[in-house]
Amino acid sequence: MASFTLLDAIGMVGVLLMLAAYALTVSGRIDPLRPAALLCNLVGAVAVLVSLTGAFNWSAVVIESAWAVIAAAGLVRWVVRRR
């Protein structure tokens, strides 16, 4: 049986952040275009990417990279609009 590693824990935190952001946006508690949701998605995706260094998987890398890029672009857009 495989043991639960630090990389696994980092990945789980990332998944929880992304799921929390999704649940909160769907329930109308946070705006998906505001920093709170975007940061949860960005940090979550990066955490999952870090966890993949221990057990590489191309499909997971592609989806998490896209998730991170989209969240980062949303944050940049939010900052630009604030100026």
PDB file of N, CA and C in Angstrom:
ATOM      1  N   MET A   1       0.844  -1.183   0.000  1.00  0.00           N
ATOM      2  CA  MET A   1       0.000   0.000   0.000  1.00  0.00           C
ATOM      3  C   MET A   1       0.886   1.242   0.000  1.00  0.00           C
ATOM      4  N   ALA A   2       0.584   2.186  -0.868  1.00  0.00           N
ATOM      5  CA  ALA A   2       1.357   3.415  -0.964  1.00  0.00           C
ATOM      6  C   ALA A   2       1.061   4.317   0.229  1.00  0.00           C
ATOM      7  N   SER A   3       2.091   5.045   0.645  1.00  0.00           N
ATOM      8  CA  SER A   3       1.896   5.959   1.772  1.00  0.00           C
ATOM      9  C   SER A   3       1.496   7.340   1.263  1.00  0.00           C
ATOM     10  N   PHE A   4       0.853   8.086   2.115  1.00  0.00           N
ATOM     11  CA  PHE A   4       0.405   9.442   1.804  1.00  0.00           C
ATOM     12  C   PHE A   4       1.590  10.368   2.032  1.00  0.00           C
ATOM     13  N   THR A   5       2.070  11.017   0.976  1.00  0.00           N
ATOM     14  CA  THR A   5       3.277  11.829   1.051  1.00  0.00           C
ATOM     15  C   THR A   5       2.943  13.321   1.166  1.00  0.00           C
ATOM     16  N   LEU A   6       3.983  14.109   1.343  1.00  0.00           N
ATOM     17  CA  LEU A   6       3.816  15.559   1.371  1.00  0.00           C
ATOM     18  C   LEU A   6       3.262  16.057   0.035  1.00  0.00           C
ATOM     19  N   LEU A   7       3.729  15.481  -1.068  1.00  0.00           N
ATOM     20  CA  LEU A   7       3.205  15.866  -2.380  1.00  0.00           C
ATOM     21  C   LEU A   7       1.716  15.539  -2.494  1.00  0.00           C
ATOM     22  N   ASP A   8       1.306  14.414  -1.940  1.00  0.00           N
ATOM     23  CA  ASP A   8      -0.123  14.075  -1.926  1.00  0.00           C
ATOM     24  C   ASP A   8      -0.917  15.120  -1.144  1.00  0.00           C
ATOM     25  N   ALA A   9      -0.388  15.535  -0.013  1.00  0.00           N
ATOM     26  CA  ALA A   9      -1.066  16.530   0.824  1.00  0.00           C
ATOM     27  C   ALA A   9      -1.177  17.864   0.090  1.00  0.00           C
ATOM     28  N   ILE A  10      -0.111  18.264  -0.589  1.00  0.00           N
ATOM     29  CA  ILE A  10      -0.138  19.510  -1.356  1.00  0.00           C
ATOM     30  C   ILE A  10      -1.211  19.425  -2.443  1.00  0.00           C
ATOM     31  N   GLY A  11      -1.266  18.302  -3.136  1.00  0.00           N
ATOM     32  CA  GLY A  11      -2.277  18.106  -4.171  1.00  0.00           C
ATOM     33  C   GLY A  11      -3.691  18.143  -3.617  1.00  0.00           C
ATOM     34  N   MET A  12      -3.884  17.528  -2.456  1.00  0.00           N
ATOM     35  CA  MET A  12      -5.216  17.524  -1.841  1.00  0.00           C
ATOM     36  C   MET A  12      -5.646  18.934  -1.437  1.00  0.00           C
ATOM     37  N   VAL A  13      -4.722  19.721  -0.909  1.00  0.00           N
ATOM     38  CA  VAL A  13      -5.037  21.110  -0.564  1.00  0.00           C
ATOM     39  C   VAL A  13      -5.447  21.867  -1.828  1.00  0.00           C
ATOM     40  N   GLY A  14      -4.721  21.629  -2.916  1.00  0.00           N
ATOM     41  CA  GLY A  14      -5.066  22.265  -4.180  1.00  0.00           C
ATOM     42  C   GLY A  14      -6.453  21.892  -4.656  1.00  0.00           C
ATOM     43  N   VAL A  15      -6.767  20.616  -4.596  1.00  0.00           N
ATOM     44  CA  VAL A  15      -8.097  20.147  -5.001  1.00  0.00           C
ATOM     45  C   VAL A  15      -9.174  20.785  -4.120  1.00  0.00           C
ATOM     46  N   LEU A  16      -8.939  20.822  -2.820  1.00  0.00           N
ATOM     47  CA  LEU A  16      -9.920  21.416  -1.907  1.00  0.00           C
ATOM     48  C   LEU A  16     -10.132  22.899  -2.201  1.00  0.00           C
ATOM     49  N   LEU A  17      -9.057  23.615  -2.520  1.00  0.00           N
ATOM     50  CA  LEU A  17      -9.188  25.038  -2.861  1.00  0.00           C
ATOM     51  C   LEU A  17     -10.036  25.222  -4.112  1.00  0.00           C
ATOM     52  N   MET A  18      -9.770  24.433  -5.134  1.00  0.00           N
ATOM     53  CA  MET A  18     -10.539  24.565  -6.376  1.00  0.00           C
ATOM     54  C   MET A  18     -11.994  24.164  -6.181  1.00  0.00           C
ATOM     55  N   LEU A  19     -12.235  23.103  -5.431  1.00  0.00           N
ATOM     56  CA  LEU A  19     -13.611  22.691  -5.167  1.00  0.00           C
ATOM     57  C   LEU A  19     -14.355  23.727  -4.329  1.00  0.00           C
ATOM     58  N   ALA A  20     -13.671  24.313  -3.358  1.00  0.00           N
ATOM     59  CA  ALA A  20     -14.299  25.346  -2.529  1.00  0.00           C
ATOM     60  C   ALA A  20     -14.659  26.559  -3.383  1.00  0.00           C
ATOM     61  N   ALA A  21     -13.743  26.969  -4.249  1.00  0.00           N
ATOM     62  CA  ALA A  21     -14.022  28.110  -5.129  1.00  0.00           C
ATOM     63  C   ALA A  21     -15.217  27.809  -6.019  1.00  0.00           C
ATOM     64  N   TYR A  22     -15.272  26.611  -6.563  1.00  0.00           N
ATOM     65  CA  TYR A  22     -16.386  26.244  -7.429  1.00  0.00           C
ATOM     66  C   TYR A  22     -17.705  26.226  -6.652  1.00  0.00           C
ATOM     67  N   ALA A  23     -17.697  25.600  -5.493  1.00  0.00           N
ATOM     68  CA  ALA A  23     -18.918  25.526  -4.681  1.00  0.00           C
ATOM     69  C   ALA A  23     -19.390  26.919  -4.269  1.00  0.00           C
ATOM     70  N   LEU A  24     -18.467  27.773  -3.893  1.00  0.00           N
ATOM     71  CA  LEU A  24     -18.835  29.119  -3.457  1.00  0.00           C
ATOM     72  C   LEU A  24     -19.346  29.974  -4.612  1.00  0.00           C
ATOM     73  N   THR A  25     -18.793  29.791  -5.806  1.00  0.00           N
ATOM     74  CA  THR A  25     -19.299  30.561  -6.943  1.00  0.00           C
ATOM     75  C   THR A  25     -20.662  30.047  -7.392  1.00  0.00           C
ATOM     76  N   VAL A  26     -20.836  28.737  -7.419  1.00  0.00           N
ATOM     77  CA  VAL A  26     -22.119  28.169  -7.834  1.00  0.00           C
ATOM     78  C   VAL A  26     -23.226  28.548  -6.857  1.00  0.00           C
ATOM     79  N   SER A  27     -22.871  28.627  -5.578  1.00  0.00           N
ATOM     80  CA  SER A  27     -23.875  28.984  -4.575  1.00  0.00           C
ATOM     81  C   SER A  27     -24.106  30.496  -4.494  1.00  0.00           C
ATOM     82  N   GLY A  28     -23.344  31.267  -5.264  1.00  0.00           N
ATOM     83  CA  GLY A  28     -23.518  32.712  -5.285  1.00  0.00           C
ATOM     84  C   GLY A  28     -22.856  33.437  -4.138  1.00  0.00           C
ATOM     85  N   ARG A  29     -22.010  32.759  -3.395  1.00  0.00           N
ATOM     86  CA  ARG A  29     -21.367  33.403  -2.239  1.00  0.00           C
ATOM     87  C   ARG A  29     -20.159  34.246  -2.612  1.00  0.00           C
ATOM     88  N   ILE A  30     -19.479  33.881  -3.711  1.00  0.00           N
ATOM     89  CA  ILE A  30     -18.372  34.713  -4.191  1.00  0.00           C
ATOM     90  C   ILE A  30     -18.506  34.896  -5.698  1.00  0.00           C
ATOM     91  N   ASP A  31     -17.955  35.996  -6.173  1.00  0.00           N
ATOM     92  CA  ASP A  31     -17.974  36.322  -7.602  1.00  0.00           C
ATOM     93  C   ASP A  31     -16.802  35.603  -8.274  1.00  0.00           C
ATOM     94  N   PRO A  32     -17.056  34.814  -9.310  1.00  0.00           N
ATOM     95  CA  PRO A  32     -15.975  34.072  -9.958  1.00  0.00           C
ATOM     96  C   PRO A  32     -14.964  34.960 -10.681  1.00  0.00           C
ATOM     97  N   LEU A  33     -15.280  36.227 -10.868  1.00  0.00           N
ATOM     98  CA  LEU A  33     -14.367  37.137 -11.552  1.00  0.00           C
ATOM     99  C   LEU A  33     -13.591  38.031 -10.595  1.00  0.00           C
ATOM    100  N   ARG A  34     -13.733  37.784  -9.308  1.00  0.00           N
ATOM    101  CA  ARG A  34     -13.022  38.577  -8.290  1.00  0.00           C
ATOM    102  C   ARG A  34     -11.815  37.792  -7.773  1.00  0.00           C
ATOM    103  N   PRO A  35     -10.879  38.476  -7.156  1.00  0.00           N
ATOM    104  CA  PRO A  35      -9.639  37.831  -6.735  1.00  0.00           C
ATOM    105  C   PRO A  35      -9.785  36.607  -5.836  1.00  0.00           C
ATOM    106  N   ALA A  36     -10.750  36.576  -4.961  1.00  0.00           N
ATOM    107  CA  ALA A  36     -10.857  35.430  -4.035  1.00  0.00           C
ATOM    108  C   ALA A  36     -11.003  34.123  -4.808  1.00  0.00           C
ATOM    109  N   ALA A  37     -11.923  34.075  -5.737  1.00  0.00           N
ATOM    110  CA  ALA A  37     -12.145  32.853  -6.513  1.00  0.00           C
ATOM    111  C   ALA A  37     -10.965  32.580  -7.434  1.00  0.00           C
ATOM    112  N   LEU A  38     -10.464  33.628  -8.081  1.00  0.00           N
ATOM    113  CA  LEU A  38      -9.351  33.450  -9.012  1.00  0.00           C
ATOM    114  C   LEU A  38      -8.092  32.965  -8.304  1.00  0.00           C
ATOM    115  N   LEU A  39      -7.813  33.506  -7.124  1.00  0.00           N
ATOM    116  CA  LEU A  39      -6.641  33.071  -6.366  1.00  0.00           C
ATOM    117  C   LEU A  39      -6.784  31.630  -5.878  1.00  0.00           C
ATOM    118  N   CYS A  40      -7.974  31.267  -5.442  1.00  0.00           N
ATOM    119  CA  CYS A  40      -8.200  29.879  -5.032  1.00  0.00           C
ATOM    120  C   CYS A  40      -7.941  28.930  -6.192  1.00  0.00           C
ATOM    121  N   ASN A  41      -8.416  29.295  -7.368  1.00  0.00           N
ATOM    122  CA  ASN A  41      -8.207  28.458  -8.535  1.00  0.00           C
ATOM    123  C   ASN A  41      -6.742  28.420  -8.958  1.00  0.00           C
ATOM    124  N   LEU A  42      -6.067  29.560  -8.933  1.00  0.00           N
ATOM    125  CA  LEU A  42      -4.664  29.614  -9.319  1.00  0.00           C
ATOM    126  C   LEU A  42      -3.791  28.826  -8.342  1.00  0.00           C
ATOM    127  N   VAL A  43      -3.938  29.104  -7.069  1.00  0.00           N
ATOM    128  CA  VAL A  43      -3.132  28.409  -6.057  1.00  0.00           C
ATOM    129  C   VAL A  43      -3.467  26.916  -6.050  1.00  0.00           C
ATOM    130  N   GLY A  44      -4.727  26.587  -6.191  1.00  0.00           N
ATOM    131  CA  GLY A  44      -5.133  25.187  -6.232  1.00  0.00           C
ATOM    132  C   GLY A  44      -4.509  24.447  -7.399  1.00  0.00           C
ATOM    133  N   ALA A  45      -4.561  25.042  -8.583  1.00  0.00           N
ATOM    134  CA  ALA A  45      -3.993  24.402  -9.772  1.00  0.00           C
ATOM    135  C   ALA A  45      -2.482  24.240  -9.640  1.00  0.00           C
ATOM    136  N   VAL A  46      -1.819  25.256  -9.119  1.00  0.00           N
ATOM    137  CA  VAL A  46      -0.362  25.159  -8.935  1.00  0.00           C
ATOM    138  C   VAL A  46      -0.031  24.068  -7.918  1.00  0.00           C
ATOM    139  N   ALA A  47      -0.809  23.963  -6.861  1.00  0.00           N
ATOM    140  CA  ALA A  47      -0.571  22.916  -5.863  1.00  0.00           C
ATOM    141  C   ALA A  47      -0.724  21.523  -6.477  1.00  0.00           C
ATOM    142  N   VAL A  48      -1.735  21.348  -7.300  1.00  0.00           N
ATOM    143  CA  VAL A  48      -1.908  20.048  -7.969  1.00  0.00           C
ATOM    144  C   VAL A  48      -0.738  19.797  -8.912  1.00  0.00           C
ATOM    145  N   LEU A  49      -0.287  20.820  -9.625  1.00  0.00           N
ATOM    146  CA  LEU A  49       0.878  20.654 -10.499  1.00  0.00           C
ATOM    147  C   LEU A  49       2.118  20.247  -9.707  1.00  0.00           C
ATOM    148  N   VAL A  50       2.302  20.851  -8.547  1.00  0.00           N
ATOM    149  CA  VAL A  50       3.435  20.467  -7.686  1.00  0.00           C
ATOM    150  C   VAL A  50       3.311  19.004  -7.296  1.00  0.00           C
ATOM    151  N   SER A  51       2.118  18.579  -6.951  1.00  0.00           N
ATOM    152  CA  SER A  51       1.927  17.185  -6.537  1.00  0.00           C
ATOM    153  C   SER A  51       2.227  16.210  -7.670  1.00  0.00           C
ATOM    154  N   LEU A  52       2.056  16.666  -8.898  1.00  0.00           N
ATOM    155  CA  LEU A  52       2.300  15.797 -10.049  1.00  0.00           C
ATOM    156  C   LEU A  52       3.779  15.535 -10.301  1.00  0.00           C
ATOM    157  N   THR A  53       4.648  16.264  -9.624  1.00  0.00           N
ATOM    158  CA  THR A  53       6.077  15.970  -9.763  1.00  0.00           C
ATOM    159  C   THR A  53       6.408  14.605  -9.168  1.00  0.00           C
ATOM    160  N   GLY A  54       5.565  14.118  -8.286  1.00  0.00           N
ATOM    161  CA  GLY A  54       5.776  12.806  -7.687  1.00  0.00           C
ATOM    162  C   GLY A  54       5.154  11.677  -8.483  1.00  0.00           C
ATOM    163  N   ALA A  55       4.115  11.969  -9.229  1.00  0.00           N
ATOM    164  CA  ALA A  55       3.419  10.958 -10.042  1.00  0.00           C
ATOM    165  C   ALA A  55       2.908  11.652 -11.292  1.00  0.00           C
ATOM    166  N   PHE A  56       3.797  11.787 -12.282  1.00  0.00           N
ATOM    167  CA  PHE A  56       3.498  12.556 -13.484  1.00  0.00           C
ATOM    168  C   PHE A  56       2.355  11.946 -14.281  1.00  0.00           C
ATOM    169  N   ASN A  57       1.493  12.839 -14.806  1.00  0.00           N
ATOM    170  CA  ASN A  57       0.356  12.421 -15.614  1.00  0.00           C
ATOM    171  C   ASN A  57       0.073  13.551 -16.597  1.00  0.00           C
ATOM    172  N   TRP A  58       0.256  13.295 -17.904  1.00  0.00           N
ATOM    173  CA  TRP A  58       0.117  14.343 -18.908  1.00  0.00           C
ATOM    174  C   TRP A  58      -1.255  15.004 -18.901  1.00  0.00           C
ATOM    175  N   SER A  59      -2.303  14.220 -18.832  1.00  0.00           N
ATOM    176  CA  SER A  59      -3.639  14.825 -18.894  1.00  0.00           C
ATOM    177  C   SER A  59      -3.878  15.738 -17.697  1.00  0.00           C
ATOM    178  N   ALA A  60      -3.408  15.356 -16.535  1.00  0.00           N
ATOM    179  CA  ALA A  60      -3.565  16.209 -15.357  1.00  0.00           C
ATOM    180  C   ALA A  60      -2.725  17.476 -15.486  1.00  0.00           C
ATOM    181  N   VAL A  61      -1.520  17.366 -16.030  1.00  0.00           N
ATOM    182  CA  VAL A  61      -0.674  18.543 -16.231  1.00  0.00           C
ATOM    183  C   VAL A  61      -1.337  19.524 -17.185  1.00  0.00           C
ATOM    184  N   VAL A  62      -1.918  19.012 -18.263  1.00  0.00           N
ATOM    185  CA  VAL A  62      -2.567  19.884 -19.246  1.00  0.00           C
ATOM    186  C   VAL A  62      -3.756  20.616 -18.618  1.00  0.00           C
ATOM    187  N   ILE A  63      -4.636  19.916 -17.932  1.00  0.00           N
ATOM    188  CA  ILE A  63      -5.817  20.569 -17.374  1.00  0.00           C
ATOM    189  C   ILE A  63      -5.454  21.546 -16.260  1.00  0.00           C
ATOM    190  N   GLU A  64      -4.513  21.183 -15.408  1.00  0.00           N
ATOM    191  CA  GLU A  64      -4.131  22.076 -14.309  1.00  0.00           C
ATOM    192  C   GLU A  64      -3.363  23.284 -14.818  1.00  0.00           C
ATOM    193  N   SER A  65      -2.551  23.098 -15.858  1.00  0.00           N
ATOM    194  CA  SER A  65      -1.845  24.234 -16.457  1.00  0.00           C
ATOM    195  C   SER A  65      -2.848  25.205 -17.069  1.00  0.00           C
ATOM    196  N   ALA A  66      -3.825  24.678 -17.789  1.00  0.00           N
ATOM    197  CA  ALA A  66      -4.856  25.531 -18.378  1.00  0.00           C
ATOM    198  C   ALA A  66      -5.624  26.257 -17.279  1.00  0.00           C
ATOM    199  N   TRP A  67      -5.964  25.545 -16.220  1.00  0.00           N
ATOM    200  CA  TRP A  67      -6.703  26.134 -15.096  1.00  0.00           C
ATOM    201  C   TRP A  67      -5.911  27.291 -14.490  1.00  0.00           C
ATOM    202  N   ALA A  68      -4.604  27.081 -14.318  1.00  0.00           N
ATOM    203  CA  ALA A  68      -3.745  28.113 -13.730  1.00  0.00           C
ATOM    204  C   ALA A  68      -3.616  29.319 -14.661  1.00  0.00           C
ATOM    205  N   VAL A  69      -3.440  29.089 -15.946  1.00  0.00           N
ATOM    206  CA  VAL A  69      -3.304  30.183 -16.909  1.00  0.00           C
ATOM    207  C   VAL A  69      -4.597  31.002 -16.970  1.00  0.00           C
ATOM    208  N   ILE A  70      -5.724  30.336 -17.003  1.00  0.00           N
ATOM    209  CA  ILE A  70      -7.007  31.041 -17.048  1.00  0.00           C
ATOM    210  C   ILE A  70      -7.211  31.872 -15.784  1.00  0.00           C
ATOM    211  N   ALA A  71      -6.916  31.312 -14.627  1.00  0.00           N
ATOM    212  CA  ALA A  71      -7.068  32.050 -13.369  1.00  0.00           C
ATOM    213  C   ALA A  71      -6.101  33.232 -13.319  1.00  0.00           C
ATOM    214  N   ALA A  72      -4.861  33.029 -13.761  1.00  0.00           N
ATOM    215  CA  ALA A  72      -3.877  34.117 -13.779  1.00  0.00           C
ATOM    216  C   ALA A  72      -4.324  35.219 -14.733  1.00  0.00           C
ATOM    217  N   ALA A  73      -4.838  34.853 -15.895  1.00  0.00           N
ATOM    218  CA  ALA A  73      -5.329  35.844 -16.847  1.00  0.00           C
ATOM    219  C   ALA A  73      -6.499  36.629 -16.249  1.00  0.00           C
ATOM    220  N   GLY A  74      -7.354  35.956 -15.520  1.00  0.00           N
ATOM    221  CA  GLY A  74      -8.456  36.640 -14.854  1.00  0.00           C
ATOM    222  C   GLY A  74      -7.967  37.634 -13.818  1.00  0.00           C
ATOM    223  N   LEU A  75      -6.937  37.255 -13.086  1.00  0.00           N
ATOM    224  CA  LEU A  75      -6.367  38.171 -12.092  1.00  0.00           C
ATOM    225  C   LEU A  75      -5.736  39.387 -12.762  1.00  0.00           C
ATOM    226  N   VAL A  76      -5.003  39.162 -13.845  1.00  0.00           N
ATOM    227  CA  VAL A  76      -4.393  40.269 -14.580  1.00  0.00           C
ATOM    228  C   VAL A  76      -5.486  41.194 -15.106  1.00  0.00           C
ATOM    229  N   ARG A  77      -6.516  40.632 -15.668  1.00  0.00           N
ATOM    230  CA  ARG A  77      -7.639  41.423 -16.187  1.00  0.00           C
ATOM    231  C   ARG A  77      -8.282  42.245 -15.074  1.00  0.00           C
ATOM    232  N   TRP A  78      -8.455  41.642 -13.904  1.00  0.00           N
ATOM    233  CA  TRP A  78      -9.047  42.352 -12.775  1.00  0.00           C
ATOM    234  C   TRP A  78      -8.163  43.532 -12.356  1.00  0.00           C
ATOM    235  N   VAL A  79      -6.844  43.306 -12.286  1.00  0.00           N
ATOM    236  CA  VAL A  79      -5.910  44.369 -11.893  1.00  0.00           C
ATOM    237  C   VAL A  79      -5.941  45.509 -12.916  1.00  0.00           C
ATOM    238  N   VAL A  80      -5.920  45.162 -14.198  1.00  0.00           N
ATOM    239  CA  VAL A  80      -5.929  46.180 -15.254  1.00  0.00           C
ATOM    240  C   VAL A  80      -7.207  46.999 -15.197  1.00  0.00           C
ATOM    241  N   ARG A  81      -8.320  46.364 -14.966  1.00  0.00           N
ATOM    242  CA  ARG A  81      -9.603  47.083 -14.889  1.00  0.00           C
ATOM    243  C   ARG A  81      -9.689  47.999 -13.681  1.00  0.00           C
ATOM    244  N   ARG A  82      -8.984  47.649 -12.622  1.00  0.00           N
ATOM    245  CA  ARG A  82      -9.003  48.471 -11.406  1.00  0.00           C
ATOM    246  C   ARG A  82      -8.241  49.773 -11.593  1.00  0.00           C
ATOM    247  N   ARG A  83      -7.335  49.831 -12.570  1.00  0.00           N
ATOM    248  CA  ARG A  83      -6.514  51.040 -12.784  1.00  0.00           C
ATOM    249  C   ARG A  83      -7.200  52.044 -13.636  1.00  0.00           C
TER     250      ARG A  83
END
